Amino acid sequence: SPGDSITFDVRCRQLAGHCITGGAMDDR
């Protein structure tokens, strides 16, 4: 329905060293 929300369909992934990537890191 109009008004429903949509988010990026993404999962977190480990990068090299201590880094991780994903969505909503800001500000989780």
PDB file of all heavy atoms in Angstrom:
ATOM      1  N   SER A   1       0.838  -1.197   0.000  1.00  0.00           N
ATOM      2  CA  SER A   1       0.000   0.000   0.000  1.00  0.00           C
ATOM      3  C   SER A   1       0.874   1.248   0.000  1.00  0.00           C
ATOM      4  O   SER A   1       2.007   1.219   0.514  1.00  0.00           O
ATOM      5  CB  SER A   1      -0.898   0.033   1.240  1.00  0.00           C
ATOM      6  OG  SER A   1      -1.720  -1.105   1.308  1.00  0.00           O
ATOM      7  N   PRO A   2       0.374   2.355  -0.555  1.00  0.00           N
ATOM      8  CA  PRO A   2       1.104   3.622  -0.433  1.00  0.00           C
ATOM      9  C   PRO A   2       1.391   3.910   1.044  1.00  0.00           C
ATOM     10  O   PRO A   2       0.522   3.734   1.913  1.00  0.00           O
ATOM     11  CB  PRO A   2       0.141   4.639  -1.029  1.00  0.00           C
ATOM     12  CG  PRO A   2      -0.651   3.854  -2.023  1.00  0.00           C
ATOM     13  CD  PRO A   2      -0.847   2.502  -1.378  1.00  0.00           C
ATOM     14  N   GLY A   3       2.617   4.326   1.329  1.00  0.00           N
ATOM     15  CA  GLY A   3       3.038   4.565   2.707  1.00  0.00           C
ATOM     16  C   GLY A   3       3.886   3.462   3.293  1.00  0.00           C
ATOM     17  O   GLY A   3       4.534   3.664   4.329  1.00  0.00           O
ATOM     18  N   ASP A   4       3.895   2.278   2.657  1.00  0.00           N
ATOM     19  CA  ASP A   4       4.781   1.209   3.133  1.00  0.00           C
ATOM     20  C   ASP A   4       6.238   1.609   2.910  1.00  0.00           C
ATOM     21  O   ASP A   4       6.558   2.372   1.999  1.00  0.00           O
ATOM     22  CB  ASP A   4       4.501  -0.105   2.390  1.00  0.00           C
ATOM     23  CG  ASP A   4       3.170  -0.733   2.795  1.00  0.00           C
ATOM     24  OD1 ASP A   4       2.648  -0.375   3.863  1.00  0.00           O
ATOM     25  OD2 ASP A   4       2.657  -1.578   2.022  1.00  0.00           O
ATOM     26  N   SER A   5       7.111   1.076   3.733  1.00  0.00           N
ATOM     27  CA  SER A   5       8.530   1.424   3.618  1.00  0.00           C
ATOM     28  C   SER A   5       9.288   0.372   2.813  1.00  0.00           C
ATOM     29  O   SER A   5       8.848  -0.777   2.673  1.00  0.00           O
ATOM     30  CB  SER A   5       9.168   1.588   4.997  1.00  0.00           C
ATOM     31  OG  SER A   5       9.151   0.370   5.709  1.00  0.00           O
ATOM     32  N   ILE A   6      10.421   0.796   2.285  1.00  0.00           N
ATOM     33  CA  ILE A   6      11.309  -0.061   1.505  1.00  0.00           C
ATOM     34  C   ILE A   6      12.727   0.157   2.005  1.00  0.00           C
ATOM     35  O   ILE A   6      13.140   1.304   2.231  1.00  0.00           O
ATOM     36  CB  ILE A   6      11.230   0.265   0.001  1.00  0.00           C
ATOM     37  CG1 ILE A   6       9.799   0.081  -0.527  1.00  0.00           C
ATOM     38  CG2 ILE A   6      12.207  -0.592  -0.801  1.00  0.00           C
ATOM     39  CD1 ILE A   6       9.632   0.508  -1.980  1.00  0.00           C
ATOM     40  N   THR A   7      13.471  -0.921   2.176  1.00  0.00           N
ATOM     41  CA  THR A   7      14.871  -0.817   2.572  1.00  0.00           C
ATOM     42  C   THR A   7      15.739  -1.601   1.597  1.00  0.00           C
ATOM     43  O   THR A   7      15.260  -2.489   0.892  1.00  0.00           O
ATOM     44  CB  THR A   7      15.100  -1.357   3.998  1.00  0.00           C
ATOM     45  OG1 THR A   7      14.609  -2.699   4.084  1.00  0.00           O
ATOM     46  CG2 THR A   7      14.395  -0.495   5.032  1.00  0.00           C
ATOM     47  N   PHE A   8      17.017  -1.265   1.555  1.00  0.00           N
ATOM     48  CA  PHE A   8      17.958  -2.051   0.759  1.00  0.00           C
ATOM     49  C   PHE A   8      18.008  -3.481   1.292  1.00  0.00           C
ATOM     50  O   PHE A   8      18.009  -3.708   2.504  1.00  0.00           O
ATOM     51  CB  PHE A   8      19.356  -1.436   0.817  1.00  0.00           C
ATOM     52  CG  PHE A   8      19.489  -0.117   0.118  1.00  0.00           C
ATOM     53  CD1 PHE A   8      19.816   1.031   0.826  1.00  0.00           C
ATOM     54  CD2 PHE A   8      19.296  -0.012  -1.248  1.00  0.00           C
ATOM     55  CE1 PHE A   8      19.947   2.247   0.189  1.00  0.00           C
ATOM     56  CE2 PHE A   8      19.425   1.198  -1.897  1.00  0.00           C
ATOM     57  CZ  PHE A   8      19.749   2.337  -1.184  1.00  0.00           C
ATOM     58  N   ASP A   9      18.027  -4.440   0.390  1.00  0.00           N
ATOM     59  CA  ASP A   9      18.114  -5.850   0.759  1.00  0.00           C
ATOM     60  C   ASP A   9      19.592  -6.226   0.811  1.00  0.00           C
ATOM     61  O   ASP A   9      20.210  -6.543  -0.209  1.00  0.00           O
ATOM     62  CB  ASP A   9      17.367  -6.703  -0.266  1.00  0.00           C
ATOM     63  CG  ASP A   9      17.367  -8.178   0.094  1.00  0.00           C
ATOM     64  OD1 ASP A   9      17.744  -8.514   1.229  1.00  0.00           O
ATOM     65  OD2 ASP A   9      16.997  -9.005  -0.766  1.00  0.00           O
ATOM     66  N   VAL A  10      20.168  -6.170   1.995  1.00  0.00           N
ATOM     67  CA  VAL A  10      21.610  -6.337   2.112  1.00  0.00           C
ATOM     68  C   VAL A  10      21.929  -7.086   3.395  1.00  0.00           C
ATOM     69  O   VAL A  10      21.225  -6.949   4.404  1.00  0.00           O
ATOM     70  CB  VAL A  10      22.321  -4.960   2.079  1.00  0.00           C
ATOM     71  CG1 VAL A  10      21.881  -4.078   3.232  1.00  0.00           C
ATOM     72  CG2 VAL A  10      23.825  -5.113   2.079  1.00  0.00           C
ATOM     73  N   ARG A  11      22.969  -7.876   3.368  1.00  0.00           N
ATOM     74  CA  ARG A  11      23.477  -8.575   4.537  1.00  0.00           C
ATOM     75  C   ARG A  11      24.886  -8.092   4.836  1.00  0.00           C
ATOM     76  O   ARG A  11      25.625  -7.704   3.932  1.00  0.00           O
ATOM     77  CB  ARG A  11      23.486 -10.092   4.300  1.00  0.00           C
ATOM     78  CG  ARG A  11      22.088 -10.691   4.185  1.00  0.00           C
ATOM     79  CD  ARG A  11      21.375 -10.642   5.522  1.00  0.00           C
ATOM     80  NE  ARG A  11      20.004 -11.148   5.445  1.00  0.00           N
ATOM     81  CZ  ARG A  11      18.937 -10.375   5.273  1.00  0.00           C
ATOM     82  NH1 ARG A  11      19.074  -9.065   5.126  1.00  0.00           N
ATOM     83  NH2 ARG A  11      17.731 -10.915   5.248  1.00  0.00           N
ATOM     84  N   CYS A  12      25.251  -8.126   6.092  1.00  0.00           N
ATOM     85  CA  CYS A  12      26.593  -7.699   6.487  1.00  0.00           C
ATOM     86  C   CYS A  12      27.618  -8.748   6.062  1.00  0.00           C
ATOM     87  O   CYS A  12      27.334  -9.955   6.066  1.00  0.00           O
ATOM     88  CB  CYS A  12      26.657  -7.486   7.991  1.00  0.00           C
ATOM     89  SG  CYS A  12      25.594  -6.150   8.589  1.00  0.00           S
ATOM     90  N   ARG A  13      28.800  -8.268   5.714  1.00  0.00           N
ATOM     91  CA  ARG A  13      29.878  -9.149   5.294  1.00  0.00           C
ATOM     92  C   ARG A  13      31.188  -8.728   5.938  1.00  0.00           C
ATOM     93  O   ARG A  13      31.425  -7.537   6.158  1.00  0.00           O
ATOM     94  CB  ARG A  13      30.037  -9.125   3.773  1.00  0.00           C
ATOM     95  CG  ARG A  13      28.892  -9.786   3.012  1.00  0.00           C
ATOM     96  CD  ARG A  13      29.041  -9.556   1.530  1.00  0.00           C
ATOM     97  NE  ARG A  13      28.833  -8.149   1.184  1.00  0.00           N
ATOM     98  CZ  ARG A  13      29.063  -7.634  -0.016  1.00  0.00           C
ATOM     99  NH1 ARG A  13      29.545  -8.390  -0.975  1.00  0.00           N
ATOM    100  NH2 ARG A  13      28.828  -6.360  -0.252  1.00  0.00           N
ATOM    101  N   GLN A  14      32.006  -9.713   6.226  1.00  0.00           N
ATOM    102  CA  GLN A  14      33.336  -9.450   6.768  1.00  0.00           C
ATOM    103  C   GLN A  14      34.264  -9.023   5.643  1.00  0.00           C
ATOM    104  O   GLN A  14      34.306  -9.664   4.586  1.00  0.00           O
ATOM    105  CB  GLN A  14      33.890 -10.696   7.442  1.00  0.00           C
ATOM    106  CG  GLN A  14      35.277 -10.533   8.031  1.00  0.00           C
ATOM    107  CD  GLN A  14      35.270  -9.744   9.327  1.00  0.00           C
ATOM    108  OE1 GLN A  14      34.470 -10.018  10.212  1.00  0.00           O
ATOM    109  NE2 GLN A  14      36.170  -8.774   9.435  1.00  0.00           N
ATOM    110  N   LEU A  15      35.002  -7.945   5.860  1.00  0.00           N
ATOM    111  CA  LEU A  15      36.063  -7.551   4.954  1.00  0.00           C
ATOM    112  C   LEU A  15      37.398  -7.903   5.603  1.00  0.00           C
ATOM    113  O   LEU A  15      37.449  -8.551   6.648  1.00  0.00           O
ATOM    114  CB  LEU A  15      35.972  -6.051   4.655  1.00  0.00           C
ATOM    115  CG  LEU A  15      34.677  -5.566   3.985  1.00  0.00           C
ATOM    116  CD1 LEU A  15      34.737  -4.059   3.761  1.00  0.00           C
ATOM    117  CD2 LEU A  15      34.427  -6.289   2.676  1.00  0.00           C
ATOM    118  N   ALA A  16      38.478  -7.468   5.005  1.00  0.00           N
ATOM    119  CA  ALA A  16      39.801  -7.777   5.544  1.00  0.00           C
ATOM    120  C   ALA A  16      39.980  -7.124   6.908  1.00  0.00           C
ATOM    121  O   ALA A  16      39.398  -6.071   7.204  1.00  0.00           O
ATOM    122  CB  ALA A  16      40.883  -7.302   4.580  1.00  0.00           C
ATOM    123  N   GLY A  17      40.791  -7.743   7.729  1.00  0.00           N
ATOM    124  CA  GLY A  17      41.124  -7.174   9.029  1.00  0.00           C
ATOM    125  C   GLY A  17      39.919  -7.075   9.937  1.00  0.00           C
ATOM    126  O   GLY A  17      39.184  -8.034  10.143  1.00  0.00           O
ATOM    127  N   HIS A  18      39.689  -5.867  10.459  1.00  0.00           N
ATOM    128  CA  HIS A  18      38.613  -5.644  11.428  1.00  0.00           C
ATOM    129  C   HIS A  18      37.391  -4.987  10.800  1.00  0.00           C
ATOM    130  O   HIS A  18      36.486  -4.569  11.529  1.00  0.00           O
ATOM    131  CB  HIS A  18      39.133  -4.759  12.567  1.00  0.00           C
ATOM    132  CG  HIS A  18      40.327  -5.314  13.283  1.00  0.00           C
ATOM    133  ND1 HIS A  18      40.222  -6.244  14.295  1.00  0.00           N
ATOM    134  CD2 HIS A  18      41.657  -5.082  13.114  1.00  0.00           C
ATOM    135  CE1 HIS A  18      41.424  -6.552  14.729  1.00  0.00           C
ATOM    136  NE2 HIS A  18      42.319  -5.864  14.030  1.00  0.00           N
ATOM    137  N   CYS A  19      37.344  -4.897   9.481  1.00  0.00           N
ATOM    138  CA  CYS A  19      36.273  -4.147   8.823  1.00  0.00           C
ATOM    139  C   CYS A  19      35.092  -5.045   8.466  1.00  0.00           C
ATOM    140  O   CYS A  19      35.259  -6.206   8.092  1.00  0.00           O
ATOM    141  CB  CYS A  19      36.794  -3.471   7.555  1.00  0.00           C
ATOM    142  SG  CYS A  19      37.949  -2.128   7.879  1.00  0.00           S
ATOM    143  N   ILE A  20      33.895  -4.488   8.570  1.00  0.00           N
ATOM    144  CA  ILE A  20      32.692  -5.141   8.076  1.00  0.00           C
ATOM    145  C   ILE A  20      31.915  -4.129   7.241  1.00  0.00           C
ATOM    146  O   ILE A  20      32.065  -2.916   7.391  1.00  0.00           O
ATOM    147  CB  ILE A  20      31.800  -5.698   9.200  1.00  0.00           C
ATOM    148  CG1 ILE A  20      31.330  -4.591  10.149  1.00  0.00           C
ATOM    149  CG2 ILE A  20      32.497  -6.807   9.953  1.00  0.00           C
ATOM    150  CD1 ILE A  20      30.302  -5.079  11.165  1.00  0.00           C
ATOM    151  N   THR A  21      31.083  -4.664   6.342  1.00  0.00           N
ATOM    152  CA  THR A  21      30.281  -3.807   5.483  1.00  0.00           C
ATOM    153  C   THR A  21      28.832  -4.260   5.534  1.00  0.00           C
ATOM    154  O   THR A  21      28.533  -5.429   5.801  1.00  0.00           O
ATOM    155  CB  THR A  21      30.795  -3.837   4.027  1.00  0.00           C
ATOM    156  OG1 THR A  21      29.998  -2.952   3.221  1.00  0.00           O
ATOM    157  CG2 THR A  21      30.707  -5.229   3.427  1.00  0.00           C
ATOM    158  N   GLY A  22      27.927  -3.332   5.270  1.00  0.00           N
ATOM    159  CA  GLY A  22      26.505  -3.634   5.256  1.00  0.00           C
ATOM    160  C   GLY A  22      25.697  -2.354   5.193  1.00  0.00           C
ATOM    161  O   GLY A  22      26.238  -1.259   5.028  1.00  0.00           O
ATOM    162  N   GLY A  23      24.407  -2.476   5.318  1.00  0.00           N
ATOM    163  CA  GLY A  23      23.529  -1.319   5.374  1.00  0.00           C
ATOM    164  C   GLY A  23      23.188  -0.995   6.820  1.00  0.00           C
ATOM    165  O   GLY A  23      23.371  -1.820   7.722  1.00  0.00           O
ATOM    166  N   ALA A  24      22.707   0.216   7.062  1.00  0.00           N
ATOM    167  CA  ALA A  24      22.233   0.656   8.389  1.00  0.00           C
ATOM    168  C   ALA A  24      23.322   0.692   9.457  1.00  0.00           C
ATOM    169  O   ALA A  24      23.014   0.779  10.649  1.00  0.00           O
ATOM    170  CB  ALA A  24      21.062  -0.202   8.859  1.00  0.00           C
ATOM    171  N   MET A  25      24.605   0.619   9.049  1.00  0.00           N
ATOM    172  CA  MET A  25      25.664   0.866  10.037  1.00  0.00           C
ATOM    173  C   MET A  25      25.456   2.248  10.673  1.00  0.00           C
ATOM    174  O   MET A  25      25.775   2.455  11.840  1.00  0.00           O
ATOM    175  CB  MET A  25      27.041   0.813   9.363  1.00  0.00           C
ATOM    176  CG  MET A  25      27.412  -0.527   8.757  1.00  0.00           C
ATOM    177  SD  MET A  25      27.836  -1.722  10.008  1.00  0.00           S
ATOM    178  CE  MET A  25      28.127  -3.167   8.994  1.00  0.00           C
ATOM    179  N   ASP A  26      24.935   3.153   9.881  1.00  0.00           N
ATOM    180  CA  ASP A  26      24.492   4.473  10.337  1.00  0.00           C
ATOM    181  C   ASP A  26      23.044   4.331  10.801  1.00  0.00           C
ATOM    182  O   ASP A  26      22.139   4.295   9.975  1.00  0.00           O
ATOM    183  CB  ASP A  26      24.618   5.462   9.172  1.00  0.00           C
ATOM    184  CG  ASP A  26      24.089   6.852   9.485  1.00  0.00           C
ATOM    185  OD1 ASP A  26      23.764   7.141  10.654  1.00  0.00           O
ATOM    186  OD2 ASP A  26      23.965   7.646   8.538  1.00  0.00           O
ATOM    187  N   ASP A  27      22.755   4.199  12.062  1.00  0.00           N
ATOM    188  CA  ASP A  27      23.654   4.370  13.181  1.00  0.00           C
ATOM    189  C   ASP A  27      23.544   3.192  14.131  1.00  0.00           C
ATOM    190  O   ASP A  27      23.669   3.354  15.334  1.00  0.00           O
ATOM    191  CB  ASP A  27      23.330   5.690  13.871  1.00  0.00           C
ATOM    192  CG  ASP A  27      24.228   6.010  15.056  1.00  0.00           C
ATOM    193  OD1 ASP A  27      25.419   5.684  15.001  1.00  0.00           O
ATOM    194  OD2 ASP A  27      23.736   6.578  16.040  1.00  0.00           O
ATOM    195  N   ARG A  28      23.326   2.001  13.577  1.00  0.00           N
ATOM    196  CA  ARG A  28      23.191   0.844  14.458  1.00  0.00           C
ATOM    197  C   ARG A  28      24.511   0.528  15.157  1.00  0.00           C
ATOM    198  O   ARG A  28      24.507  -0.056  16.255  1.00  0.00           O
ATOM    199  CB  ARG A  28      22.682  -0.368  13.677  1.00  0.00           C
ATOM    200  CG  ARG A  28      21.411  -0.105  12.858  1.00  0.00           C
ATOM    201  CD  ARG A  28      20.150  -0.043  13.664  1.00  0.00           C
ATOM    202  NE  ARG A  28      19.023   0.466  12.876  1.00  0.00           N
ATOM    203  CZ  ARG A  28      18.363  -0.227  11.955  1.00  0.00           C
ATOM    204  NH1 ARG A  28      18.713  -1.475  11.696  1.00  0.00           N
ATOM    205  NH2 ARG A  28      17.352   0.326  11.306  1.00  0.00           N
TER     206      ARG A  28
END
